[in-house]
């Protein structure tokens, strides 16, 4: 069950477990929200966070973006859907990205031999 205050994690892994290309896809999407700061450096929005987690590219979309920019939020979710990327809804993912586990790294329960 997803909650309206859950962040969205878009993983750079497709539903068929392939790595999504190009490798800088998360930065390109985050670039849609970038602006120049007072120090004249380009900064991403604090609501769209590209990162690498355990070697897997990901984009964390904070839940506030759905209210602040619903069209951008829907665009990002549509991008993930259209490219068959794995999407998770995680409470406070942006506050603790170090605890996220990429889709391919999840442990499976040992199965009994047949």
N, C-alpha and C. Protein backbone atom coordinates (compact mmCIF):
# COMPACT_ATOMS: atom_id res chain seq x y z
N UNK A 1 0.85 -1.18 0.00
CA UNK A 1 0.00 0.00 0.00
C UNK A 1 0.89 1.24 0.00
N UNK A 2 0.62 2.17 -0.90
CA UNK A 2 1.40 3.40 -0.95
C UNK A 2 0.66 4.48 -0.18
N UNK A 3 1.45 5.37 0.39
CA UNK A 3 0.89 6.49 1.14
C UNK A 3 1.29 7.76 0.44
N UNK A 4 0.52 8.80 0.62
CA UNK A 4 0.79 10.06 -0.06
C UNK A 4 2.08 10.71 0.43
N UNK A 5 2.58 10.29 1.59
CA UNK A 5 3.83 10.87 2.09
C UNK A 5 5.03 9.95 1.84
N UNK A 6 4.88 8.96 0.97
CA UNK A 6 6.00 8.10 0.60
C UNK A 6 6.77 8.74 -0.55
N UNK A 7 8.10 8.66 -0.46
CA UNK A 7 8.94 9.08 -1.58
C UNK A 7 8.90 7.98 -2.64
N UNK A 8 9.21 8.35 -3.86
CA UNK A 8 9.26 7.38 -4.96
C UNK A 8 10.72 7.14 -5.30
N UNK A 9 11.11 5.88 -5.39
CA UNK A 9 12.45 5.52 -5.80
C UNK A 9 12.33 4.87 -7.18
N UNK A 10 12.95 5.50 -8.17
CA UNK A 10 12.98 4.94 -9.52
C UNK A 10 14.36 4.34 -9.69
N UNK A 11 14.41 3.03 -9.85
CA UNK A 11 15.68 2.32 -9.99
C UNK A 11 16.08 2.23 -11.45
N UNK A 12 17.37 2.26 -11.71
CA UNK A 12 17.90 2.12 -13.06
C UNK A 12 17.99 0.68 -13.49
N UNK A 13 16.95 -0.07 -13.16
CA UNK A 13 16.85 -1.49 -13.49
C UNK A 13 15.46 -1.70 -14.08
N UNK A 14 15.39 -2.42 -15.20
CA UNK A 14 14.09 -2.68 -15.81
C UNK A 14 13.40 -3.86 -15.13
N UNK A 15 12.14 -4.02 -15.44
CA UNK A 15 11.38 -5.14 -14.88
C UNK A 15 11.99 -6.48 -15.28
N UNK A 16 12.72 -6.51 -16.39
CA UNK A 16 13.39 -7.76 -16.82
C UNK A 16 14.81 -7.85 -16.29
N UNK A 17 15.14 -7.04 -15.28
CA UNK A 17 16.42 -7.06 -14.56
C UNK A 17 17.60 -6.60 -15.39
N UNK A 18 17.36 -5.75 -16.38
CA UNK A 18 18.46 -5.18 -17.17
C UNK A 18 18.79 -3.78 -16.67
N UNK A 19 20.07 -3.43 -16.77
CA UNK A 19 20.50 -2.09 -16.39
C UNK A 19 20.01 -1.10 -17.43
N UNK A 20 19.40 -0.03 -16.98
CA UNK A 20 18.86 0.98 -17.88
C UNK A 20 19.99 1.87 -18.39
N UNK A 21 19.96 2.19 -19.64
CA UNK A 21 20.95 3.06 -20.29
C UNK A 21 20.24 4.26 -20.88
N UNK A 22 20.88 5.42 -20.97
CA UNK A 22 22.28 5.69 -20.70
C UNK A 22 22.56 5.76 -19.20
N UNK A 23 23.81 5.64 -18.86
CA UNK A 23 24.19 5.56 -17.45
C UNK A 23 23.90 6.85 -16.67
N UNK A 24 23.74 7.97 -17.35
CA UNK A 24 23.47 9.23 -16.66
C UNK A 24 21.98 9.62 -16.73
N UNK A 25 21.12 8.63 -16.89
CA UNK A 25 19.69 8.91 -17.02
C UNK A 25 19.14 9.68 -15.82
N UNK A 26 19.58 9.34 -14.61
CA UNK A 26 19.05 10.00 -13.41
C UNK A 26 19.44 11.48 -13.37
N UNK A 27 20.68 11.78 -13.75
CA UNK A 27 21.12 13.17 -13.78
C UNK A 27 20.38 13.96 -14.85
N UNK A 28 20.10 13.31 -15.97
CA UNK A 28 19.36 13.99 -17.04
C UNK A 28 17.95 14.35 -16.57
N UNK A 29 17.29 13.42 -15.90
CA UNK A 29 15.96 13.72 -15.38
C UNK A 29 16.01 14.80 -14.30
N UNK A 30 16.97 14.69 -13.39
CA UNK A 30 17.11 15.70 -12.34
C UNK A 30 17.44 17.06 -12.94
N UNK A 31 18.12 17.05 -14.08
CA UNK A 31 18.45 18.30 -14.76
C UNK A 31 17.22 19.11 -15.16
N UNK A 32 16.09 18.44 -15.31
CA UNK A 32 14.85 19.16 -15.62
C UNK A 32 14.46 20.10 -14.50
N UNK A 33 14.94 19.85 -13.30
CA UNK A 33 14.59 20.65 -12.13
C UNK A 33 15.72 21.58 -11.69
N UNK A 34 16.80 21.61 -12.44
CA UNK A 34 17.98 22.36 -11.98
C UNK A 34 17.84 23.86 -12.25
N UNK A 35 18.59 24.61 -11.47
CA UNK A 35 18.64 26.07 -11.61
C UNK A 35 19.99 26.53 -11.07
N UNK A 36 20.38 27.72 -11.47
CA UNK A 36 21.63 28.28 -10.97
C UNK A 36 21.39 28.91 -9.61
N UNK A 37 22.24 28.57 -8.65
CA UNK A 37 22.15 29.12 -7.31
C UNK A 37 22.84 30.47 -7.22
N UNK A 38 22.83 31.05 -6.05
CA UNK A 38 23.45 32.36 -5.85
C UNK A 38 24.96 32.31 -6.07
N UNK A 39 25.56 31.13 -5.98
CA UNK A 39 26.99 30.98 -6.22
C UNK A 39 27.29 30.70 -7.69
N UNK A 40 26.26 30.83 -8.54
CA UNK A 40 26.37 30.62 -9.99
C UNK A 40 26.70 29.17 -10.36
N UNK A 41 26.40 28.24 -9.46
CA UNK A 41 26.59 26.82 -9.75
C UNK A 41 25.22 26.19 -9.98
N UNK A 42 25.19 25.24 -10.88
CA UNK A 42 23.96 24.55 -11.19
C UNK A 42 23.61 23.60 -10.04
N UNK A 43 22.36 23.66 -9.58
CA UNK A 43 21.92 22.83 -8.46
C UNK A 43 20.63 22.13 -8.85
N UNK A 44 20.52 20.86 -8.46
CA UNK A 44 19.28 20.12 -8.66
C UNK A 44 18.27 20.56 -7.61
N UNK A 45 17.02 20.35 -7.91
CA UNK A 45 15.97 20.58 -6.92
C UNK A 45 16.18 19.64 -5.74
N UNK A 46 15.88 20.07 -4.54
CA UNK A 46 15.99 19.16 -3.38
C UNK A 46 14.91 18.08 -3.39
N UNK A 47 13.98 18.14 -4.35
CA UNK A 47 12.90 17.16 -4.43
C UNK A 47 13.17 16.04 -5.42
N UNK A 48 14.26 16.15 -6.19
CA UNK A 48 14.62 15.14 -7.18
C UNK A 48 16.10 14.84 -7.00
N UNK A 49 16.42 13.66 -6.47
CA UNK A 49 17.78 13.36 -6.05
C UNK A 49 18.36 12.18 -6.82
N UNK A 50 19.27 12.44 -7.77
CA UNK A 50 19.93 11.32 -8.44
C UNK A 50 21.04 10.77 -7.56
N UNK A 51 21.19 9.46 -7.52
CA UNK A 51 22.26 8.87 -6.71
C UNK A 51 22.56 7.46 -7.17
N UNK A 52 23.66 6.94 -6.64
CA UNK A 52 24.03 5.54 -6.87
C UNK A 52 23.94 4.84 -5.53
N UNK A 53 23.19 3.74 -5.50
CA UNK A 53 22.99 2.98 -4.27
C UNK A 53 23.44 1.55 -4.54
N UNK A 54 24.48 1.14 -3.85
CA UNK A 54 25.05 -0.20 -4.04
C UNK A 54 25.34 -0.48 -5.51
N UNK A 55 25.86 0.53 -6.19
CA UNK A 55 26.25 0.37 -7.59
C UNK A 55 25.12 0.50 -8.60
N UNK A 56 23.91 0.80 -8.15
CA UNK A 56 22.76 0.92 -9.04
C UNK A 56 22.30 2.37 -9.05
N UNK A 57 22.13 2.93 -10.26
CA UNK A 57 21.64 4.30 -10.38
C UNK A 57 20.18 4.34 -9.94
N UNK A 58 19.82 5.44 -9.30
CA UNK A 58 18.44 5.61 -8.84
C UNK A 58 18.10 7.09 -8.82
N UNK A 59 16.82 7.36 -8.85
CA UNK A 59 16.33 8.72 -8.70
C UNK A 59 15.28 8.69 -7.60
N UNK A 60 15.52 9.46 -6.57
CA UNK A 60 14.55 9.57 -5.48
C UNK A 60 13.74 10.83 -5.72
N UNK A 61 12.43 10.65 -5.77
CA UNK A 61 11.51 11.77 -5.97
C UNK A 61 10.75 11.95 -4.66
N UNK A 62 11.02 13.08 -4.02
CA UNK A 62 10.38 13.32 -2.72
C UNK A 62 8.88 13.54 -2.89
N UNK A 63 8.12 13.11 -1.91
CA UNK A 63 6.67 13.15 -2.01
C UNK A 63 6.11 14.56 -2.17
N UNK A 64 6.82 15.56 -1.72
CA UNK A 64 6.35 16.95 -1.82
C UNK A 64 6.20 17.40 -3.28
N UNK A 65 6.96 16.77 -4.18
CA UNK A 65 6.90 17.18 -5.58
C UNK A 65 5.50 16.96 -6.16
N UNK A 66 4.79 15.98 -5.68
CA UNK A 66 3.43 15.70 -6.18
C UNK A 66 2.51 16.90 -5.95
N UNK A 67 2.75 17.64 -4.88
CA UNK A 67 1.94 18.82 -4.58
C UNK A 67 2.52 20.06 -5.24
N UNK A 68 3.85 20.21 -5.19
CA UNK A 68 4.50 21.40 -5.73
C UNK A 68 4.47 21.47 -7.26
N UNK A 69 4.63 20.33 -7.89
CA UNK A 69 4.65 20.28 -9.36
C UNK A 69 4.05 18.95 -9.83
N UNK A 70 2.73 18.85 -9.80
CA UNK A 70 2.08 17.59 -10.16
C UNK A 70 2.42 17.10 -11.57
N UNK A 71 2.55 18.02 -12.51
CA UNK A 71 2.87 17.61 -13.90
C UNK A 71 4.26 17.01 -13.99
N UNK A 72 5.24 17.58 -13.29
CA UNK A 72 6.59 17.03 -13.29
C UNK A 72 6.59 15.67 -12.59
N UNK A 73 5.88 15.57 -11.49
CA UNK A 73 5.80 14.31 -10.76
C UNK A 73 5.23 13.22 -11.67
N UNK A 74 4.15 13.52 -12.36
CA UNK A 74 3.54 12.55 -13.27
C UNK A 74 4.45 12.24 -14.46
N UNK A 75 5.20 13.23 -14.93
CA UNK A 75 6.15 12.99 -16.02
C UNK A 75 7.21 11.98 -15.58
N UNK A 76 7.76 12.15 -14.39
CA UNK A 76 8.80 11.24 -13.90
C UNK A 76 8.25 9.82 -13.72
N UNK A 77 7.05 9.70 -13.18
CA UNK A 77 6.43 8.38 -13.03
C UNK A 77 6.11 7.77 -14.40
N UNK A 78 5.69 8.61 -15.33
CA UNK A 78 5.42 8.14 -16.69
C UNK A 78 6.69 7.67 -17.39
N UNK A 79 7.78 8.38 -17.16
CA UNK A 79 9.08 7.98 -17.73
C UNK A 79 9.45 6.59 -17.22
N UNK A 80 9.30 6.38 -15.94
CA UNK A 80 9.62 5.08 -15.34
C UNK A 80 8.71 3.99 -15.92
N UNK A 81 7.44 4.27 -16.02
CA UNK A 81 6.48 3.29 -16.55
C UNK A 81 6.80 2.96 -18.02
N UNK A 82 7.02 3.99 -18.83
CA UNK A 82 7.28 3.80 -20.26
C UNK A 82 8.55 3.01 -20.51
N UNK A 83 9.53 3.13 -19.62
CA UNK A 83 10.80 2.43 -19.78
C UNK A 83 10.89 1.17 -18.93
N UNK A 84 9.76 0.80 -18.34
CA UNK A 84 9.65 -0.42 -17.53
C UNK A 84 10.68 -0.48 -16.40
N UNK A 85 10.91 0.68 -15.76
CA UNK A 85 11.85 0.73 -14.65
C UNK A 85 11.16 0.30 -13.36
N UNK A 86 11.93 -0.28 -12.47
CA UNK A 86 11.40 -0.69 -11.17
C UNK A 86 11.16 0.56 -10.33
N UNK A 87 9.97 0.67 -9.77
CA UNK A 87 9.58 1.82 -8.95
C UNK A 87 9.13 1.31 -7.59
N UNK A 88 9.61 1.97 -6.54
CA UNK A 88 9.18 1.64 -5.18
C UNK A 88 8.70 2.90 -4.49
N UNK A 89 7.75 2.73 -3.61
CA UNK A 89 7.27 3.83 -2.77
C UNK A 89 7.79 3.54 -1.36
N UNK A 90 8.65 4.44 -0.88
CA UNK A 90 9.34 4.20 0.39
C UNK A 90 9.21 5.43 1.28
N UNK A 91 8.80 5.20 2.50
CA UNK A 91 8.68 6.31 3.45
C UNK A 91 10.08 6.85 3.77
N UNK A 92 10.26 8.15 3.65
CA UNK A 92 11.51 8.85 3.98
C UNK A 92 12.74 8.32 3.25
N UNK A 93 12.57 7.89 2.02
CA UNK A 93 13.72 7.39 1.25
C UNK A 93 14.78 8.46 1.08
N UNK A 94 14.37 9.71 0.93
CA UNK A 94 15.34 10.78 0.74
C UNK A 94 16.15 11.06 1.99
N UNK A 95 15.60 10.75 3.16
CA UNK A 95 16.29 10.98 4.43
C UNK A 95 17.29 9.88 4.75
N UNK A 96 17.05 8.67 4.21
CA UNK A 96 17.94 7.55 4.54
C UNK A 96 18.18 6.66 3.31
N UNK A 97 18.79 7.23 2.26
CA UNK A 97 19.00 6.42 1.05
C UNK A 97 19.95 5.25 1.27
N UNK A 98 20.78 5.33 2.30
CA UNK A 98 21.75 4.27 2.58
C UNK A 98 21.09 2.95 3.00
N UNK A 99 19.84 2.99 3.39
CA UNK A 99 19.16 1.75 3.79
C UNK A 99 18.39 1.11 2.64
N UNK A 100 18.34 1.78 1.50
CA UNK A 100 17.64 1.22 0.34
C UNK A 100 18.43 0.06 -0.24
N UNK A 101 17.72 -0.90 -0.77
CA UNK A 101 18.35 -2.08 -1.36
C UNK A 101 17.89 -2.17 -2.82
N UNK A 102 18.83 -2.15 -3.76
CA UNK A 102 18.45 -2.23 -5.18
C UNK A 102 17.71 -3.53 -5.48
N UNK A 103 16.85 -3.53 -6.49
CA UNK A 103 16.04 -4.70 -6.81
C UNK A 103 16.83 -5.99 -7.00
N UNK A 104 17.94 -5.98 -7.70
CA UNK A 104 18.69 -7.20 -7.96
C UNK A 104 19.46 -7.71 -6.77
N UNK A 105 19.61 -6.89 -5.73
CA UNK A 105 20.42 -7.28 -4.57
C UNK A 105 19.59 -7.83 -3.42
N UNK A 106 18.28 -7.92 -3.63
CA UNK A 106 17.43 -8.42 -2.54
C UNK A 106 17.70 -9.89 -2.30
N UNK A 107 17.69 -10.24 -1.05
CA UNK A 107 17.92 -11.64 -0.69
C UNK A 107 16.65 -12.44 -0.90
N UNK A 108 16.83 -13.60 -1.43
CA UNK A 108 15.70 -14.51 -1.61
C UNK A 108 15.78 -15.59 -0.55
N UNK A 109 14.63 -16.02 -0.15
CA UNK A 109 14.56 -17.10 0.83
C UNK A 109 15.14 -18.37 0.20
N UNK A 110 15.95 -19.11 0.94
CA UNK A 110 16.46 -20.35 0.39
C UNK A 110 15.31 -21.32 0.11
N UNK A 111 15.43 -22.01 -1.01
CA UNK A 111 14.37 -22.93 -1.38
C UNK A 111 14.83 -24.35 -1.18
N UNK A 112 13.90 -25.18 -0.82
CA UNK A 112 14.19 -26.59 -0.60
C UNK A 112 14.48 -27.25 -1.95
N UNK A 113 15.45 -28.14 -2.00
CA UNK A 113 15.69 -28.85 -3.26
C UNK A 113 14.50 -29.75 -3.58
N UNK A 114 14.26 -29.88 -4.84
CA UNK A 114 13.11 -30.68 -5.29
C UNK A 114 13.52 -32.10 -5.56
